[in-house]
Amino acid sequence: MIQAIDHIVKLNGEEVGGGFGAATKRSAVITGQQYVKWGEGNSPIKHVAVNIPQLTADELKGKSYLAVHLYPDDTVEITLTEGRNMPRATKRGLDVWSKLIDELNESETN
């Protein structure tokens, strides 16, 4: 069974997520390089993103939500949404999830 793990996510040193979409950040997001770190709530293991996404002022205009998508290879994606539109899974995220499910199903049959 795949178990969801609660993560504490930091963007440029400020906490932006407590896992499962339950946390909010009400202060401004800086533009430019976005340094992402996270840790598992049930472990001392800490992660640092191996890529550094960029955000521009134009990308942030009119946006209400910012989502940080974490991947098993320690890369991240940042997505932004407008109005009341909540962030959705990315194509990459859905592909990773599908691969994990396939691996799980395969291990259960062996």
N, C-alpha and C. Protein backbone atom coordinates (compact mmCIF):
# COMPACT_ATOMS: atom_id res chain seq x y z
N MET A 1 0.84 -1.18 0.00
CA MET A 1 0.00 0.00 0.00
C MET A 1 0.89 1.25 0.00
N ILE A 2 0.58 2.20 -0.85
CA ILE A 2 1.31 3.46 -0.87
C ILE A 2 0.77 4.33 0.25
N GLN A 3 1.69 4.88 1.02
CA GLN A 3 1.29 5.70 2.17
C GLN A 3 1.68 7.15 1.90
N ALA A 4 0.74 8.05 2.08
CA ALA A 4 1.05 9.47 1.95
C ALA A 4 1.83 9.90 3.18
N ILE A 5 2.86 10.70 2.96
CA ILE A 5 3.70 11.18 4.05
C ILE A 5 3.55 12.69 4.14
N ASP A 6 3.34 13.17 5.34
CA ASP A 6 3.23 14.60 5.58
C ASP A 6 4.61 15.23 5.45
N HIS A 7 4.70 16.32 4.70
CA HIS A 7 5.97 17.02 4.50
C HIS A 7 5.84 18.47 4.96
N ILE A 8 6.91 18.98 5.54
CA ILE A 8 6.99 20.40 5.86
C ILE A 8 7.82 21.01 4.73
N VAL A 9 7.21 21.89 3.95
CA VAL A 9 7.86 22.45 2.76
C VAL A 9 8.23 23.90 3.02
N LYS A 10 9.48 24.25 2.66
CA LYS A 10 9.95 25.63 2.79
C LYS A 10 10.37 26.16 1.43
N LEU A 11 9.93 27.37 1.14
CA LEU A 11 10.27 28.08 -0.09
C LEU A 11 11.08 29.30 0.32
N ASN A 12 12.32 29.35 -0.10
CA ASN A 12 13.22 30.44 0.27
C ASN A 12 13.27 30.65 1.79
N GLY A 13 13.28 29.54 2.52
CA GLY A 13 13.42 29.59 3.97
C GLY A 13 12.15 29.79 4.75
N GLU A 14 11.02 30.03 4.07
CA GLU A 14 9.75 30.23 4.77
C GLU A 14 8.82 29.05 4.53
N GLU A 15 8.18 28.60 5.59
CA GLU A 15 7.28 27.46 5.46
C GLU A 15 6.08 27.84 4.59
N VAL A 16 5.81 27.01 3.58
CA VAL A 16 4.67 27.24 2.69
C VAL A 16 3.72 26.06 2.67
N GLY A 17 4.09 24.99 3.32
CA GLY A 17 3.21 23.82 3.29
C GLY A 17 3.47 22.87 4.42
N GLY A 18 2.39 22.33 4.93
CA GLY A 18 2.48 21.35 5.99
C GLY A 18 2.08 19.98 5.50
N GLY A 19 1.98 19.81 4.21
CA GLY A 19 1.58 18.53 3.64
C GLY A 19 0.09 18.46 3.41
N PHE A 20 -0.29 17.69 2.42
CA PHE A 20 -1.69 17.45 2.07
C PHE A 20 -2.44 18.74 1.79
N GLY A 21 -1.73 19.80 1.38
CA GLY A 21 -2.38 21.05 1.02
C GLY A 21 -3.01 21.79 2.18
N ALA A 22 -2.56 21.50 3.40
CA ALA A 22 -3.23 22.04 4.58
C ALA A 22 -2.63 23.35 5.08
N ALA A 23 -1.53 23.80 4.52
CA ALA A 23 -0.89 25.00 5.05
C ALA A 23 -1.02 26.14 4.04
N THR A 24 -0.98 27.34 4.56
CA THR A 24 -1.02 28.51 3.69
C THR A 24 0.07 29.49 4.08
N LYS A 25 0.45 30.30 3.13
CA LYS A 25 1.43 31.36 3.34
C LYS A 25 0.74 32.64 2.89
N ARG A 26 0.64 33.60 3.75
CA ARG A 26 -0.10 34.80 3.42
C ARG A 26 0.80 35.99 3.11
N SER A 27 2.10 35.80 3.17
CA SER A 27 3.01 36.90 2.84
C SER A 27 3.42 36.80 1.38
N ALA A 28 4.10 37.82 0.92
CA ALA A 28 4.50 37.90 -0.49
C ALA A 28 5.51 36.82 -0.85
N VAL A 29 5.45 36.39 -2.09
CA VAL A 29 6.43 35.46 -2.65
C VAL A 29 7.42 36.29 -3.44
N ILE A 30 8.70 36.05 -3.21
CA ILE A 30 9.70 36.82 -3.95
C ILE A 30 9.85 36.27 -5.36
N THR A 31 10.28 37.12 -6.26
CA THR A 31 10.53 36.68 -7.63
C THR A 31 11.97 36.19 -7.73
N GLY A 32 12.25 35.56 -8.85
CA GLY A 32 13.59 35.04 -9.09
C GLY A 32 13.71 33.58 -8.70
N GLN A 33 14.88 33.20 -8.25
CA GLN A 33 15.16 31.81 -7.91
C GLN A 33 14.37 31.37 -6.68
N GLN A 34 13.82 30.17 -6.76
CA GLN A 34 13.02 29.61 -5.67
C GLN A 34 13.73 28.39 -5.10
N TYR A 35 14.25 28.54 -3.90
CA TYR A 35 14.97 27.45 -3.24
C TYR A 35 13.98 26.68 -2.38
N VAL A 36 13.86 25.39 -2.65
CA VAL A 36 12.87 24.56 -1.98
C VAL A 36 13.56 23.49 -1.15
N LYS A 37 13.11 23.37 0.11
CA LYS A 37 13.57 22.33 1.02
C LYS A 37 12.34 21.70 1.64
N TRP A 38 12.46 20.44 2.02
CA TRP A 38 11.35 19.80 2.72
C TRP A 38 11.86 18.64 3.56
N GLY A 39 11.06 18.32 4.54
CA GLY A 39 11.37 17.21 5.42
C GLY A 39 10.13 16.40 5.69
N GLU A 40 10.35 15.14 5.95
CA GLU A 40 9.24 14.24 6.24
C GLU A 40 8.86 14.39 7.71
N GLY A 41 7.57 14.45 7.97
CA GLY A 41 7.10 14.65 9.32
C GLY A 41 7.45 13.52 10.28
N ASN A 42 7.70 12.34 9.73
CA ASN A 42 7.98 11.17 10.58
C ASN A 42 9.44 10.74 10.51
N SER A 43 10.33 11.64 10.07
CA SER A 43 11.73 11.25 9.85
C SER A 43 12.63 12.48 9.95
N PRO A 44 13.88 12.29 10.37
CA PRO A 44 14.83 13.41 10.38
C PRO A 44 15.41 13.71 8.99
N ILE A 45 15.02 12.94 7.99
CA ILE A 45 15.55 13.13 6.63
C ILE A 45 15.06 14.47 6.06
N LYS A 46 15.99 15.23 5.53
CA LYS A 46 15.68 16.52 4.90
C LYS A 46 16.08 16.46 3.43
N HIS A 47 15.31 17.13 2.60
CA HIS A 47 15.56 17.16 1.16
C HIS A 47 15.79 18.60 0.71
N VAL A 48 16.63 18.76 -0.29
CA VAL A 48 16.85 20.05 -0.94
C VAL A 48 16.65 19.80 -2.43
N ALA A 49 15.82 20.61 -3.06
CA ALA A 49 15.56 20.43 -4.49
C ALA A 49 16.86 20.56 -5.29
N VAL A 50 17.05 19.64 -6.24
CA VAL A 50 18.24 19.68 -7.07
C VAL A 50 18.08 20.66 -8.24
N ASN A 51 16.86 21.11 -8.49
CA ASN A 51 16.62 22.15 -9.48
C ASN A 51 16.16 23.42 -8.77
N ILE A 52 16.29 24.55 -9.44
CA ILE A 52 15.90 25.83 -8.84
C ILE A 52 14.91 26.52 -9.79
N PRO A 53 13.61 26.35 -9.52
CA PRO A 53 12.61 27.02 -10.37
C PRO A 53 12.73 28.54 -10.26
N GLN A 54 12.25 29.22 -11.27
CA GLN A 54 12.23 30.68 -11.32
C GLN A 54 10.79 31.17 -11.35
N LEU A 55 10.52 32.28 -10.69
CA LEU A 55 9.22 32.93 -10.77
C LEU A 55 9.44 34.39 -11.15
N THR A 56 8.62 34.86 -12.08
CA THR A 56 8.70 36.27 -12.49
C THR A 56 7.48 37.02 -11.95
N ALA A 57 7.60 38.34 -11.91
CA ALA A 57 6.48 39.17 -11.45
C ALA A 57 5.27 38.97 -12.35
N ASP A 58 5.49 38.83 -13.66
CA ASP A 58 4.37 38.62 -14.58
C ASP A 58 3.66 37.30 -14.29
N GLU A 59 4.42 36.25 -13.96
CA GLU A 59 3.80 34.96 -13.64
C GLU A 59 2.94 35.04 -12.38
N LEU A 60 3.32 35.88 -11.44
CA LEU A 60 2.60 35.99 -10.16
C LEU A 60 1.36 36.88 -10.23
N LYS A 61 1.27 37.75 -11.24
CA LYS A 61 0.14 38.68 -11.34
C LYS A 61 -1.19 37.93 -11.40
N GLY A 62 -2.10 38.30 -10.51
CA GLY A 62 -3.44 37.74 -10.52
C GLY A 62 -3.55 36.31 -9.99
N LYS A 63 -2.48 35.78 -9.45
CA LYS A 63 -2.50 34.40 -8.95
C LYS A 63 -2.90 34.37 -7.48
N SER A 64 -3.64 33.35 -7.13
CA SER A 64 -4.11 33.20 -5.76
C SER A 64 -3.41 32.06 -5.02
N TYR A 65 -3.03 31.02 -5.76
CA TYR A 65 -2.45 29.84 -5.13
C TYR A 65 -1.13 29.47 -5.79
N LEU A 66 -0.20 29.04 -4.96
CA LEU A 66 1.09 28.52 -5.41
C LEU A 66 1.20 27.11 -4.86
N ALA A 67 1.53 26.15 -5.72
CA ALA A 67 1.72 24.77 -5.27
C ALA A 67 3.15 24.34 -5.59
N VAL A 68 3.76 23.66 -4.64
CA VAL A 68 5.09 23.09 -4.84
C VAL A 68 4.89 21.58 -4.95
N HIS A 69 5.27 21.03 -6.10
CA HIS A 69 5.13 19.60 -6.37
C HIS A 69 6.49 18.94 -6.14
N LEU A 70 6.54 17.94 -5.26
CA LEU A 70 7.78 17.25 -4.87
C LEU A 70 7.85 15.90 -5.59
N TYR A 71 9.04 15.56 -6.07
CA TYR A 71 9.21 14.30 -6.79
C TYR A 71 10.28 13.43 -6.15
N PRO A 72 10.20 12.11 -6.37
CA PRO A 72 11.14 11.18 -5.74
C PRO A 72 12.61 11.42 -6.08
N ASP A 73 12.89 12.07 -7.21
CA ASP A 73 14.29 12.35 -7.58
C ASP A 73 14.78 13.68 -7.01
N ASP A 74 14.05 14.22 -6.04
CA ASP A 74 14.37 15.49 -5.38
C ASP A 74 14.30 16.70 -6.30
N THR A 75 13.52 16.61 -7.37
CA THR A 75 13.22 17.79 -8.18
C THR A 75 11.84 18.30 -7.77
N VAL A 76 11.55 19.54 -8.13
CA VAL A 76 10.26 20.15 -7.80
C VAL A 76 9.71 20.89 -9.01
N GLU A 77 8.42 21.11 -8.98
CA GLU A 77 7.74 21.99 -9.92
C GLU A 77 6.92 22.97 -9.10
N ILE A 78 6.78 24.18 -9.58
CA ILE A 78 5.92 25.16 -8.95
C ILE A 78 4.83 25.53 -9.96
N THR A 79 3.58 25.45 -9.50
CA THR A 79 2.46 25.86 -10.34
C THR A 79 1.69 26.96 -9.63
N LEU A 80 1.05 27.79 -10.42
CA LEU A 80 0.27 28.93 -9.92
C LEU A 80 -1.13 28.85 -10.50
N THR A 81 -2.13 29.24 -9.71
CA THR A 81 -3.50 29.26 -10.22
C THR A 81 -4.16 30.58 -9.85
N GLU A 82 -5.21 30.91 -10.63
CA GLU A 82 -5.93 32.16 -10.44
C GLU A 82 -7.24 31.94 -9.71
N GLY A 83 -7.72 33.02 -9.11
CA GLY A 83 -9.04 33.01 -8.48
C GLY A 83 -9.20 31.92 -7.46
N ARG A 84 -10.32 31.24 -7.53
CA ARG A 84 -10.61 30.17 -6.58
C ARG A 84 -10.19 28.80 -7.10
N ASN A 85 -9.48 28.78 -8.18
CA ASN A 85 -9.03 27.51 -8.76
C ASN A 85 -7.88 26.94 -7.94
N MET A 86 -8.14 25.82 -7.30
CA MET A 86 -7.12 25.17 -6.49
C MET A 86 -6.09 24.50 -7.42
N PRO A 87 -4.85 24.40 -6.97
CA PRO A 87 -3.82 23.72 -7.77
C PRO A 87 -4.21 22.27 -8.05
N ARG A 88 -3.80 21.80 -9.20
CA ARG A 88 -4.08 20.42 -9.61
C ARG A 88 -2.76 19.69 -9.82
N ALA A 89 -2.85 18.38 -9.89
CA ALA A 89 -1.67 17.57 -10.19
C ALA A 89 -1.15 17.93 -11.58
N THR A 90 0.16 17.88 -11.73
CA THR A 90 0.77 18.14 -13.03
C THR A 90 0.84 16.84 -13.82
N LYS A 91 1.09 16.94 -15.12
CA LYS A 91 1.24 15.74 -15.94
C LYS A 91 2.37 14.88 -15.39
N ARG A 92 3.48 15.52 -15.04
CA ARG A 92 4.60 14.77 -14.49
C ARG A 92 4.20 14.06 -13.19
N GLY A 93 3.48 14.76 -12.33
CA GLY A 93 3.04 14.15 -11.08
C GLY A 93 2.14 12.95 -11.31
N LEU A 94 1.23 13.05 -12.26
CA LEU A 94 0.35 11.93 -12.58
C LEU A 94 1.15 10.76 -13.16
N ASP A 95 2.16 11.06 -13.98
CA ASP A 95 3.02 10.01 -14.54
C ASP A 95 3.80 9.30 -13.43
N VAL A 96 4.35 10.06 -12.48
CA VAL A 96 5.10 9.47 -11.36
C VAL A 96 4.16 8.60 -10.53
N TRP A 97 2.97 9.10 -10.24
CA TRP A 97 2.01 8.34 -9.45
C TRP A 97 1.65 7.03 -10.16
N SER A 98 1.40 7.10 -11.46
CA SER A 98 1.05 5.91 -12.23
C SER A 98 2.18 4.88 -12.18
N LYS A 99 3.41 5.34 -12.30
CA LYS A 99 4.57 4.44 -12.25
C LYS A 99 4.67 3.78 -10.87
N LEU A 100 4.46 4.55 -9.81
CA LEU A 100 4.49 3.98 -8.46
C LEU A 100 3.41 2.92 -8.27
N ILE A 101 2.22 3.17 -8.78
CA ILE A 101 1.12 2.20 -8.69
C ILE A 101 1.50 0.94 -9.45
N ASP A 102 2.04 1.10 -10.68
CA ASP A 102 2.45 -0.07 -11.47
C ASP A 102 3.50 -0.88 -10.73
N GLU A 103 4.50 -0.21 -10.13
CA GLU A 103 5.54 -0.91 -9.39
C GLU A 103 4.94 -1.65 -8.19
N LEU A 104 4.02 -1.02 -7.51
CA LEU A 104 3.38 -1.65 -6.37
C LEU A 104 2.59 -2.89 -6.81
N ASN A 105 1.82 -2.74 -7.86
CA ASN A 105 1.03 -3.88 -8.36
C ASN A 105 1.94 -5.03 -8.79
N GLU A 106 3.05 -4.71 -9.42
CA GLU A 106 4.01 -5.73 -9.86
C GLU A 106 4.63 -6.45 -8.67
N SER A 107 4.98 -5.69 -7.63
CA SER A 107 5.61 -6.31 -6.45
C SER A 107 4.62 -7.21 -5.70
N GLU A 108 3.33 -6.88 -5.77
CA GLU A 108 2.32 -7.69 -5.09
C GLU A 108 2.06 -9.02 -5.82
N THR A 109 2.31 -9.05 -7.12
CA THR A 109 2.08 -10.28 -7.89
C THR A 109 3.31 -11.18 -7.88
N ASN A 110 4.46 -10.69 -7.44
CA ASN A 110 5.68 -11.51 -7.41
C ASN A 110 5.91 -12.12 -6.07
